[in-house]
Amino acid sequence: MEKYEIVRTLGRGSYGKVELAKLKSTGEQFAVKKVKLESMSPSDRSKALDEATFLSKLDHPNIVAYHESFQENNSLYIAMEYMDGGDLEKKIAQRGHSFLTEQDIMFSFVQVLSALTYLHSKNILHRDIKPQNCFLTRHGVVKLGDFGVARSLDCGNLAKTVIGTPFYLAPEIWDNVPYSFAADVYSLGVVLYELCSLKKPYEAETAPELLMKVTKGEVKPIPDFFSKDLKQLISKMMMKDPSLRPTCAQIVQMDFIQKAIKDLVEYNKTQKPEKISVPKTMFSPKGTGKKKPFGQLGRGRLLLANVITQNNEEEEKPLEFEDDFIEDDFIDDDDETVDEDGFHLLEVVTSRLQQTIMKKNVQEDPFRAESLRERLENQLGEVKLAKLKSCLSDLSKKENRDYVKMAENEDRTAVDDVRELIQLES
């Protein structure tokens, strides 16, 4: 840990803790998970090491990014992307009795859905989908995290271990029968229900009581003002029979999901990489226990929806957790800014979502790639088309992002068409 400077503790767990650490060479912040290997059984130690290897292979803008891992003094350290906007559980709790709009809900949902679709395409079962594991950035990006119990499934195989958080477990797991990707779909359906209702679908004081309610599958409907499409989706995702639940890939292809993705893509395009200061006045003086209203921030909905207020006295206390390593939603006293890196993350997520839309276009018109390529070559020329394709394929480089922005200022539609062509040719 010599190259890191510990800032503070984010959370504690049964095998160690998670700390916010700053890379001394760059000042970049990471959430570093420390796992005490010496206190673990050989089996658990092997699982901890496997987790680091597993995380290093994931690459998706809506999955908490892996940075590095290393062993030191009988401990395993896993450095992950630091999520500075809390999680969906905090966002739900913050609402009280004030419902989220359907658009806000769908903006969060389609991002988690995109991540889960990616995992399932890699034959990976998450096994612990819940609001606590859906982390937020202050720029409105939602990322799925905490892969401590995830596992890969070989084709045709089913998982058998009872793992997960009780309120989000699928009926087949409660029944102690083998399960597969449909269990993740059920858990995501529960998360969607909770975003709509601001409460869990089942209320129970004990595990047997919860088991009885889950196996019966009797769920109160979400509020009437939500759309019929949304109500039907939750119902399908939470079907008792896993064979009747849609897959993530099928959900993505639903017309109203495609519309939600397009709406989010268009909304993200309106965001600007400008410096935005979050004033200290959003926090009340120490000890008053009062919270400033979000309206005082004067910022668009992406920031407002994801910044969680808390008073200074609470900031000094690390949160305690029994089993999970969960980041809290701490906001430093110093002014925070929406920087270019944060804006770039929005661009990457937007690009990935656009690819999701384009996949449906491929199915509807298998000859579209050829005609689109011919039209773009005539419109842009072969050299410019090749340059745009190269830049769009690697937005991690600033010069590529600058070139794409310049091209979008000239003709945004043409750039969107090039994005589609890349997807069609992949």
Protein backbone atom coordinates (compact mmCIF):
# COMPACT_ATOMS: atom_id res chain seq x y z
CA MET A 1 0.00 0.00 0.00
CA GLU A 2 3.05 2.28 -0.17
CA LYS A 3 1.88 3.93 -3.38
CA TYR A 4 -1.53 4.75 -1.85
CA GLU A 5 -2.50 7.31 0.77
CA ILE A 6 -5.44 6.23 2.92
CA VAL A 7 -8.14 8.93 3.05
CA ARG A 8 -10.75 7.25 5.24
CA THR A 9 -12.65 4.02 5.86
CA LEU A 10 -15.70 3.43 3.67
CA GLY A 11 -17.00 0.21 5.19
CA ARG A 12 -16.14 -2.88 7.21
CA GLY A 13 -16.87 -6.56 6.67
CA SER A 14 -16.29 -9.94 8.25
CA TYR A 15 -12.89 -10.41 6.54
CA GLY A 16 -11.59 -6.84 6.45
CA LYS A 17 -12.59 -3.38 5.28
CA VAL A 18 -12.88 -1.02 2.32
CA GLU A 19 -10.91 2.21 2.38
CA LEU A 20 -10.89 5.28 0.19
CA ALA A 21 -7.30 5.60 -0.99
CA LYS A 22 -5.51 8.15 -3.15
CA LEU A 23 -2.83 7.09 -5.62
CA LYS A 24 0.15 9.23 -4.64
CA SER A 25 1.51 9.54 -8.18
CA THR A 26 -1.68 10.91 -9.73
CA GLY A 27 -4.06 11.82 -6.89
CA GLU A 28 -6.70 9.50 -8.39
CA GLN A 29 -9.04 7.97 -5.80
CA PHE A 30 -9.95 4.29 -5.51
CA ALA A 31 -11.99 2.12 -3.19
CA VAL A 32 -9.47 -0.42 -1.89
CA LYS A 33 -10.87 -3.62 -0.45
CA LYS A 34 -8.57 -5.23 2.12
CA VAL A 35 -9.14 -8.92 2.81
CA LYS A 36 -7.28 -10.58 5.71
CA LEU A 37 -6.18 -13.89 4.20
CA GLU A 38 -4.66 -15.28 7.40
CA SER A 39 -8.06 -15.45 9.12
CA MET A 40 -9.65 -17.37 6.24
CA SER A 41 -10.00 -21.04 5.55
CA PRO A 42 -8.07 -22.36 2.52
CA SER A 43 -11.33 -22.55 0.59
CA ASP A 44 -12.33 -18.96 1.37
CA ARG A 45 -8.79 -17.75 0.64
CA SER A 46 -8.96 -19.36 -2.77
CA LYS A 47 -12.32 -17.69 -3.43
CA ALA A 48 -10.93 -14.28 -2.46
CA LEU A 49 -8.03 -14.69 -4.89
CA ASP A 50 -10.41 -15.89 -7.58
CA GLU A 51 -12.51 -12.74 -7.08
CA ALA A 52 -9.56 -10.52 -8.02
CA THR A 53 -8.90 -12.56 -11.17
CA PHE A 54 -12.60 -12.56 -12.01
CA LEU A 55 -12.95 -8.77 -11.63
CA SER A 56 -9.94 -8.10 -13.85
CA LYS A 57 -11.73 -9.74 -16.79
CA LEU A 58 -14.86 -7.57 -16.66
CA ASP A 59 -15.09 -4.58 -18.99
CA HIS A 60 -18.36 -2.66 -19.15
CA PRO A 61 -19.15 1.03 -18.44
CA ASN A 62 -22.00 0.05 -16.10
CA ILE A 63 -19.85 -2.28 -13.98
CA VAL A 64 -17.61 -0.91 -11.22
CA ALA A 65 -14.16 -0.97 -12.79
CA TYR A 66 -11.25 -3.04 -11.50
CA HIS A 67 -7.90 -1.22 -11.16
CA GLU A 68 -5.43 -3.67 -9.65
CA SER A 69 -4.88 -6.25 -6.91
CA PHE A 70 -1.88 -7.31 -4.88
CA GLN A 71 -0.93 -9.22 -1.72
CA GLU A 72 0.92 -7.64 1.18
CA ASN A 73 1.41 -8.70 4.82
CA ASN A 74 -1.00 -11.68 4.58
CA SER A 75 -3.72 -9.46 3.13
CA LEU A 76 -5.23 -9.20 -0.34
CA TYR A 77 -5.87 -5.69 -1.66
CA ILE A 78 -8.30 -5.07 -4.53
CA ALA A 79 -8.40 -1.51 -5.88
CA MET A 80 -11.68 -0.64 -7.56
CA GLU A 81 -13.23 2.45 -9.11
CA TYR A 82 -14.49 4.81 -6.38
CA MET A 83 -18.22 5.48 -6.75
CA ASP A 84 -18.88 8.90 -5.29
CA GLY A 85 -22.67 9.14 -5.51
CA GLY A 86 -23.92 6.48 -3.10
CA ASP A 87 -26.15 3.62 -4.26
CA LEU A 88 -29.77 2.93 -5.19
CA GLU A 89 -30.63 1.89 -1.64
CA LYS A 90 -29.66 5.32 -0.36
CA LYS A 91 -31.48 6.97 -3.25
CA ILE A 92 -34.67 5.06 -2.41
CA ALA A 93 -34.39 5.83 1.32
CA GLN A 94 -33.81 9.48 0.58
CA ARG A 95 -37.11 9.77 -1.30
CA GLY A 96 -39.27 9.10 1.76
CA HIS A 97 -42.83 9.01 0.37
CA SER A 98 -42.02 11.06 -2.75
CA PHE A 99 -42.11 8.70 -5.74
CA LEU A 100 -39.52 8.78 -8.48
CA THR A 101 -40.72 9.58 -11.98
CA GLU A 102 -40.95 6.66 -14.38
CA GLN A 103 -38.26 8.23 -16.54
CA ASP A 104 -35.86 8.48 -13.58
CA ILE A 105 -36.56 4.84 -12.73
CA MET A 106 -36.00 3.66 -16.28
CA PHE A 107 -32.77 5.66 -16.61
CA SER A 108 -31.37 3.73 -13.64
CA PHE A 109 -32.91 0.40 -14.64
CA VAL A 110 -31.63 0.25 -18.23
CA GLN A 111 -28.07 0.86 -17.04
CA VAL A 112 -28.19 -2.04 -14.56
CA LEU A 113 -29.92 -4.12 -17.23
CA SER A 114 -27.10 -3.34 -19.65
CA ALA A 115 -24.53 -4.54 -17.10
CA LEU A 116 -26.44 -7.72 -16.31
CA THR A 117 -27.00 -8.49 -19.99
CA TYR A 118 -23.23 -8.26 -20.46
CA LEU A 119 -22.56 -10.59 -17.52
CA HIS A 120 -25.07 -13.17 -18.71
CA SER A 121 -23.58 -13.04 -22.22
CA LYS A 122 -20.31 -14.08 -20.57
CA ASN A 123 -22.08 -16.91 -18.69
CA ILE A 124 -21.62 -15.07 -15.40
CA LEU A 125 -24.29 -15.19 -12.69
CA HIS A 126 -24.12 -12.24 -10.25
CA ARG A 127 -26.23 -13.86 -7.47
CA ASP A 128 -26.57 -10.74 -5.32
CA ILE A 129 -28.49 -8.12 -7.29
CA LYS A 130 -29.89 -5.53 -4.87
CA PRO A 131 -30.06 -1.71 -4.57
CA GLN A 132 -26.98 -1.69 -2.29
CA ASN A 133 -24.92 -3.18 -5.10
CA CYS A 134 -26.09 -0.67 -7.71
CA PHE A 135 -23.67 2.20 -7.19
CA LEU A 136 -23.98 5.76 -8.47
CA THR A 137 -21.65 8.45 -9.70
CA ARG A 138 -22.53 12.11 -9.33
CA HIS A 139 -22.89 12.29 -13.09
CA GLY A 140 -25.90 9.98 -13.18
CA VAL A 141 -24.11 6.76 -14.14
CA VAL A 142 -25.31 3.58 -12.41
CA LYS A 143 -22.83 0.73 -12.01
CA LEU A 144 -23.29 -2.82 -10.80
CA GLY A 145 -20.73 -3.90 -8.22
CA ASP A 146 -19.86 -6.33 -5.42
CA PHE A 147 -18.97 -9.54 -7.25
CA GLY A 148 -17.84 -11.41 -4.16
CA VAL A 149 -20.39 -14.19 -4.72
CA ALA A 150 -20.64 -14.11 -8.52
CA ARG A 151 -19.75 -17.26 -10.42
CA SER A 152 -19.30 -18.45 -13.96
CA LEU A 153 -21.63 -21.09 -15.32
CA ASP A 154 -20.63 -23.54 -17.99
CA CYS A 155 -23.27 -23.98 -20.65
CA GLY A 156 -26.04 -26.19 -19.34
CA ASN A 157 -24.93 -26.04 -15.71
CA LEU A 158 -26.98 -24.69 -12.81
CA ALA A 159 -25.84 -23.16 -9.53
CA LYS A 160 -26.81 -24.84 -6.28
CA THR A 161 -25.37 -22.73 -3.44
CA VAL A 162 -27.84 -20.66 -1.44
CA ILE A 163 -26.25 -17.22 -1.68
CA GLY A 164 -27.74 -13.73 -1.84
CA THR A 165 -29.76 -11.26 0.21
CA PRO A 166 -33.08 -12.74 1.46
CA PHE A 167 -35.49 -10.09 0.16
CA TYR A 168 -34.06 -10.40 -3.36
CA LEU A 169 -33.75 -14.19 -3.60
CA ALA A 170 -35.72 -15.95 -6.31
CA PRO A 171 -38.29 -18.60 -5.26
CA GLU A 172 -36.20 -21.43 -6.72
CA ILE A 173 -33.30 -20.51 -4.42
CA TRP A 174 -35.63 -20.58 -1.41
CA ASP A 175 -36.83 -24.00 -2.61
CA ASN A 176 -33.20 -25.14 -2.61
CA VAL A 177 -33.28 -26.30 -6.22
CA PRO A 178 -30.67 -25.58 -8.92
CA TYR A 179 -30.97 -22.13 -10.48
CA SER A 180 -29.53 -20.12 -13.35
CA PHE A 181 -29.66 -16.64 -14.92
CA ALA A 182 -33.41 -16.36 -14.32
CA ALA A 183 -32.60 -15.92 -10.60
CA ASP A 184 -30.71 -12.71 -11.42
CA VAL A 185 -33.65 -11.53 -13.51
CA TYR A 186 -35.98 -12.07 -10.54
CA SER A 187 -33.67 -10.09 -8.24
CA LEU A 188 -33.48 -7.23 -10.74
CA GLY A 189 -37.28 -7.31 -10.92
CA VAL A 190 -37.42 -6.84 -7.15
CA VAL A 191 -35.05 -3.86 -7.46
CA LEU A 192 -37.30 -2.37 -10.15
CA TYR A 193 -40.36 -2.93 -7.95
CA GLU A 194 -38.60 -1.18 -5.07
CA LEU A 195 -37.66 1.81 -7.25
CA CYS A 196 -41.34 2.18 -8.15
CA SER A 197 -42.90 1.52 -4.74
CA LEU A 198 -40.08 2.77 -2.48
CA LYS A 199 -40.52 -0.43 -0.48
CA LYS A 200 -39.82 -4.13 -0.88
CA PRO A 201 -42.50 -6.36 -2.44
CA TYR A 202 -42.70 -8.51 0.69
CA GLU A 203 -42.71 -7.46 4.32
CA ALA A 204 -41.70 -10.07 6.88
CA GLU A 205 -40.22 -10.24 10.36
CA THR A 206 -38.67 -13.70 10.02
CA ALA A 207 -37.10 -15.84 7.30
CA PRO A 208 -39.92 -18.46 7.40
CA GLU A 209 -42.52 -15.70 6.98
CA LEU A 210 -40.57 -14.23 4.06
CA LEU A 211 -40.18 -17.68 2.49
CA MET A 212 -43.92 -18.26 2.66
CA LYS A 213 -44.70 -14.93 0.96
CA VAL A 214 -42.06 -15.35 -1.76
CA THR A 215 -43.15 -18.88 -2.64
CA LYS A 216 -46.79 -17.76 -2.83
CA GLY A 217 -45.71 -14.95 -5.16
CA GLU A 218 -48.46 -12.58 -4.08
CA VAL A 219 -47.15 -9.05 -4.65
CA LYS A 220 -49.06 -5.81 -4.21
CA PRO A 221 -49.16 -3.87 -7.49
CA ILE A 222 -47.01 -0.78 -7.93
CA PRO A 223 -48.83 2.61 -7.90
CA ASP A 224 -51.44 3.09 -10.62
CA PHE A 225 -49.75 6.11 -12.21
CA PHE A 226 -46.95 3.95 -13.62
CA SER A 227 -47.36 2.67 -17.17
CA LYS A 228 -48.91 -0.64 -18.11
CA ASP A 229 -45.64 -1.68 -19.77
CA LEU A 230 -43.70 -1.15 -16.54
CA LYS A 231 -46.24 -3.06 -14.46
CA GLN A 232 -46.20 -5.98 -16.89
CA LEU A 233 -42.39 -6.06 -16.96
CA ILE A 234 -42.16 -6.33 -13.16
CA SER A 235 -44.79 -9.06 -13.17
CA LYS A 236 -42.89 -11.05 -15.81
CA MET A 237 -39.52 -10.65 -14.09
CA MET A 238 -40.93 -11.82 -10.77
CA MET A 239 -42.78 -14.87 -12.09
CA LYS A 240 -42.53 -17.79 -9.68
CA ASP A 241 -41.64 -20.20 -12.48
CA PRO A 242 -38.14 -19.21 -13.70
CA SER A 243 -38.85 -20.62 -17.17
CA LEU A 244 -41.55 -17.98 -17.64
CA ARG A 245 -39.29 -15.02 -16.87
CA PRO A 246 -37.80 -13.12 -19.81
CA THR A 247 -34.03 -13.16 -20.25
CA CYS A 248 -32.08 -9.92 -20.04
CA ALA A 249 -31.54 -10.04 -23.80
CA GLN A 250 -35.31 -10.33 -24.34
CA ILE A 251 -36.02 -7.44 -21.97
CA VAL A 252 -33.58 -5.21 -23.87
CA GLN A 253 -35.52 -5.85 -27.08
CA MET A 254 -38.88 -4.74 -25.63
CA ASP A 255 -40.14 -1.62 -27.40
CA PHE A 256 -40.61 0.45 -24.26
CA ILE A 257 -37.14 -0.50 -23.01
CA GLN A 258 -35.67 0.55 -26.34
CA LYS A 259 -37.49 3.87 -25.98
CA ALA A 260 -36.11 4.33 -22.45
CA ILE A 261 -32.60 3.67 -23.74
CA LYS A 262 -33.06 6.16 -26.57
CA ASP A 263 -34.41 8.76 -24.12
CA LEU A 264 -31.37 8.30 -21.88
CA VAL A 265 -29.01 8.53 -24.85
CA GLU A 266 -30.61 11.79 -25.97
CA TYR A 267 -30.59 13.18 -22.44
CA ASN A 268 -26.91 12.34 -21.95
CA LYS A 269 -26.09 14.17 -25.17
CA THR A 270 -27.41 17.37 -23.61
CA GLN A 271 -24.86 17.23 -20.77
CA LYS A 272 -21.84 19.54 -21.04
CA PRO A 273 -18.31 18.96 -19.67
CA GLU A 274 -18.35 22.20 -17.73
CA LYS A 275 -17.02 22.77 -14.23
CA ILE A 276 -19.89 22.62 -11.74
CA SER A 277 -19.24 23.48 -8.11
CA VAL A 278 -21.21 21.74 -5.40
CA PRO A 279 -21.31 24.37 -2.62
CA LYS A 280 -20.50 23.58 0.98
CA THR A 281 -23.82 25.18 1.94
CA MET A 282 -25.61 21.96 0.98
CA PHE A 283 -24.47 20.79 4.42
CA SER A 284 -25.89 22.36 7.56
CA PRO A 285 -23.62 23.61 10.37
CA LYS A 286 -22.32 20.81 12.54
CA GLY A 287 -24.83 19.53 15.03
CA THR A 288 -27.94 21.20 13.57
CA GLY A 289 -29.18 17.98 12.01
CA LYS A 290 -30.79 19.94 9.15
CA LYS A 291 -30.30 19.18 5.49
CA LYS A 292 -30.29 21.75 2.74
CA PRO A 293 -32.83 21.18 -0.04
CA PHE A 294 -31.51 19.93 -3.36
CA GLY A 295 -32.88 22.99 -5.14
CA GLN A 296 -30.11 25.14 -3.69
CA LEU A 297 -27.54 23.33 -5.82
CA GLY A 298 -28.81 24.81 -9.07
CA ARG A 299 -27.75 21.73 -11.04
CA GLY A 300 -29.46 19.45 -13.56
CA ARG A 301 -31.28 16.30 -12.56
CA LEU A 302 -28.39 13.87 -13.03
CA LEU A 303 -26.41 15.50 -10.25
CA LEU A 304 -29.41 16.31 -8.08
CA ALA A 305 -30.76 12.79 -8.20
CA ASN A 306 -27.55 11.18 -7.03
CA VAL A 307 -25.99 13.44 -4.38
CA ILE A 308 -26.95 12.27 -0.91
CA THR A 309 -26.88 14.81 1.92
CA GLN A 310 -25.74 14.10 5.44
CA ASN A 311 -24.44 16.30 8.24
CA ASN A 312 -20.78 16.72 9.13
CA GLU A 313 -21.03 14.74 12.35
CA GLU A 314 -22.13 11.66 10.42
CA GLU A 315 -19.22 12.06 8.03
CA GLU A 316 -16.70 11.41 10.78
CA LYS A 317 -18.08 7.95 11.57
CA PRO A 318 -17.19 4.92 9.42
CA LEU A 319 -20.17 2.71 8.63
CA GLU A 320 -20.27 -0.82 10.04
CA PHE A 321 -21.45 -3.79 7.99
CA GLU A 322 -21.75 -7.44 8.94
CA ASP A 323 -20.95 -9.23 5.72
CA ASP A 324 -20.89 -6.93 2.71
CA PHE A 325 -18.28 -4.44 1.63
CA ILE A 326 -20.47 -1.46 0.80
CA GLU A 327 -19.34 2.05 0.03
CA ASP A 328 -21.10 4.87 1.82
CA ASP A 329 -22.08 8.06 0.04
CA PHE A 330 -19.66 10.45 1.71
CA ILE A 331 -19.23 13.90 0.22
CA ASP A 332 -16.14 15.82 1.24
CA ASP A 333 -16.40 19.30 2.75
CA ASP A 334 -14.32 20.68 -0.09
CA ASP A 335 -16.11 21.84 -3.25
CA GLU A 336 -16.59 19.05 -5.79
CA THR A 337 -16.62 19.50 -9.54
CA VAL A 338 -18.05 17.65 -12.48
CA ASP A 339 -14.79 17.22 -14.39
CA GLU A 340 -14.01 16.07 -17.90
CA ASP A 341 -13.34 12.49 -16.78
CA GLY A 342 -16.84 12.33 -15.31
CA PHE A 343 -18.30 13.68 -18.51
CA HIS A 344 -16.27 11.18 -20.52
CA LEU A 345 -17.84 8.37 -18.48
CA LEU A 346 -21.26 9.61 -19.59
CA GLU A 347 -20.07 9.49 -23.19
CA VAL A 348 -18.85 5.90 -22.84
CA VAL A 349 -22.12 4.77 -21.21
CA THR A 350 -24.08 6.58 -23.92
CA SER A 351 -22.06 4.87 -26.64
CA ARG A 352 -22.69 1.44 -25.07
CA LEU A 353 -26.42 2.12 -24.83
CA GLN A 354 -26.49 3.21 -28.47
CA GLN A 355 -24.97 -0.13 -29.40
CA THR A 356 -27.89 -1.82 -27.63
CA ILE A 357 -30.33 0.09 -29.81
CA MET A 358 -28.33 -0.74 -32.93
CA LYS A 359 -28.43 -4.48 -32.25
CA LYS A 360 -32.18 -4.39 -32.75
CA ASN A 361 -31.69 -2.51 -36.03
CA VAL A 362 -29.42 -5.34 -37.22
CA GLN A 363 -32.13 -7.91 -36.57
CA GLU A 364 -34.71 -5.84 -38.42
CA ASP A 365 -32.50 -5.14 -41.49
CA PRO A 366 -29.66 -7.64 -42.09
CA PHE A 367 -28.46 -5.70 -45.20
CA ARG A 368 -28.25 -2.36 -43.43
CA ALA A 369 -24.46 -2.47 -42.88
CA GLU A 370 -23.66 -2.61 -46.60
CA SER A 371 -26.01 0.21 -47.55
CA LEU A 372 -24.97 2.36 -44.58
CA ARG A 373 -21.26 1.94 -45.36
CA GLU A 374 -21.78 2.91 -48.99
CA ARG A 375 -23.78 6.00 -48.03
CA LEU A 376 -21.21 7.14 -45.45
CA GLU A 377 -18.30 6.65 -47.87
CA ASN A 378 -20.09 8.90 -50.35
CA GLN A 379 -21.01 11.44 -47.67
CA LEU A 380 -17.77 11.62 -45.66
CA GLY A 381 -15.16 10.05 -47.88
CA GLU A 382 -13.24 6.87 -47.09
CA VAL A 383 -10.44 8.62 -45.17
CA LYS A 384 -12.72 10.55 -42.80
CA LEU A 385 -14.97 7.52 -42.28
CA ALA A 386 -11.96 5.40 -41.34
CA LYS A 387 -10.70 8.11 -38.98
CA LEU A 388 -14.09 8.41 -37.26
CA LYS A 389 -14.37 4.64 -36.86
CA SER A 390 -10.92 4.51 -35.31
CA CYS A 391 -11.65 7.34 -32.86
CA LEU A 392 -15.06 6.00 -31.84
CA SER A 393 -13.52 2.60 -31.17
CA ASP A 394 -11.17 4.08 -28.54
CA LEU A 395 -12.70 7.00 -26.64
CA SER A 396 -10.20 6.58 -23.80
CA LYS A 397 -7.84 8.93 -25.67
CA LYS A 398 -8.53 12.65 -25.39
CA GLU A 399 -7.48 13.37 -28.97
CA ASN A 400 -10.03 10.83 -30.20
CA ARG A 401 -12.79 12.38 -28.07
CA ASP A 402 -11.90 15.84 -29.38
CA TYR A 403 -12.06 14.63 -32.98
CA VAL A 404 -15.46 13.01 -32.40
CA LYS A 405 -16.81 16.19 -30.77
CA MET A 406 -15.61 18.26 -33.72
CA ALA A 407 -17.30 15.85 -36.13
CA GLU A 408 -20.52 15.95 -34.07
CA ASN A 409 -20.55 19.74 -34.26
CA GLU A 410 -20.41 19.42 -38.04
CA ASP A 411 -22.94 16.59 -38.40
CA ARG A 412 -24.16 14.67 -35.33
CA THR A 413 -26.38 12.39 -37.42
CA ALA A 414 -23.43 11.23 -39.51
CA VAL A 415 -21.43 10.40 -36.37
CA ASP A 416 -24.36 8.42 -34.97
CA ASP A 417 -24.52 6.55 -38.28
CA VAL A 418 -20.81 5.70 -37.99
CA ARG A 419 -21.44 4.36 -34.47
CA GLU A 420 -24.16 2.16 -35.89
CA LEU A 421 -21.90 0.96 -38.69
CA ILE A 422 -19.24 -0.08 -36.17
CA GLN A 423 -21.83 -2.15 -34.31
CA LEU A 424 -23.19 -3.68 -37.51
CA GLU A 425 -19.71 -4.72 -38.61
CA SER A 426 -18.70 -6.19 -35.25
